[in-house]
Amino acid sequence: MENTGGPRWLLGAHVAHHGSTGPENSMMTSWQRYAEDHPRRVDAAVALLLFVVSVPGSVISGMEPAIRAEWWIAVLFSAVGCTALLWHRSHPRTVVAVTAACAVATGVPGFLLTPLLLGPVMVALYRLAVGADRTTTRTYTLTVAALLTATT
């Protein structure tokens, strides 16, 4: 499989090593090897990282003072969405649905849907695109986009 330069190794896709002996390539290869050997740990680290960045996103995304006081609602939905990412390997379509529902539920009370809050659904859509056919990917992506647009 050809290395396209993207962070595909981060989500468990196999990326070929092109034989360069530079120090930056050997470090990248060790991370790729670790990701291939411990995919669940990498998945958990990605989910945790997304949750950590969503907390400040929840606090600053409340546009009205009444919404800002309810920041824990956005944190709760972010936690559910990030936790759902742990099952993206076995149930990618369900994970997209759960993360999209969490993003919509975050937007309904009035939170601004920033990339910090949309991280779980973006990762879920990316993972679906890596492993599914174009028709499925297009259908899910357009549906999620329509739902999120209708929410804001």
Foldseek 3Di string as FASTA:
>chain_A
DAAPPDPPLLQPDQHDQPPDDDPVSVVVVVSSVVCNVCVLVSLLVLLVVLLVLLLVLLQPQAPDPVSNVVSVLLSVLSNQLSVLSSCCVPCLPVSLVSLLVSLLSSLQVPGDRDCSSSVSNVVSLVSCVVPDDPVVSVVSVVVSVVSNVVSD
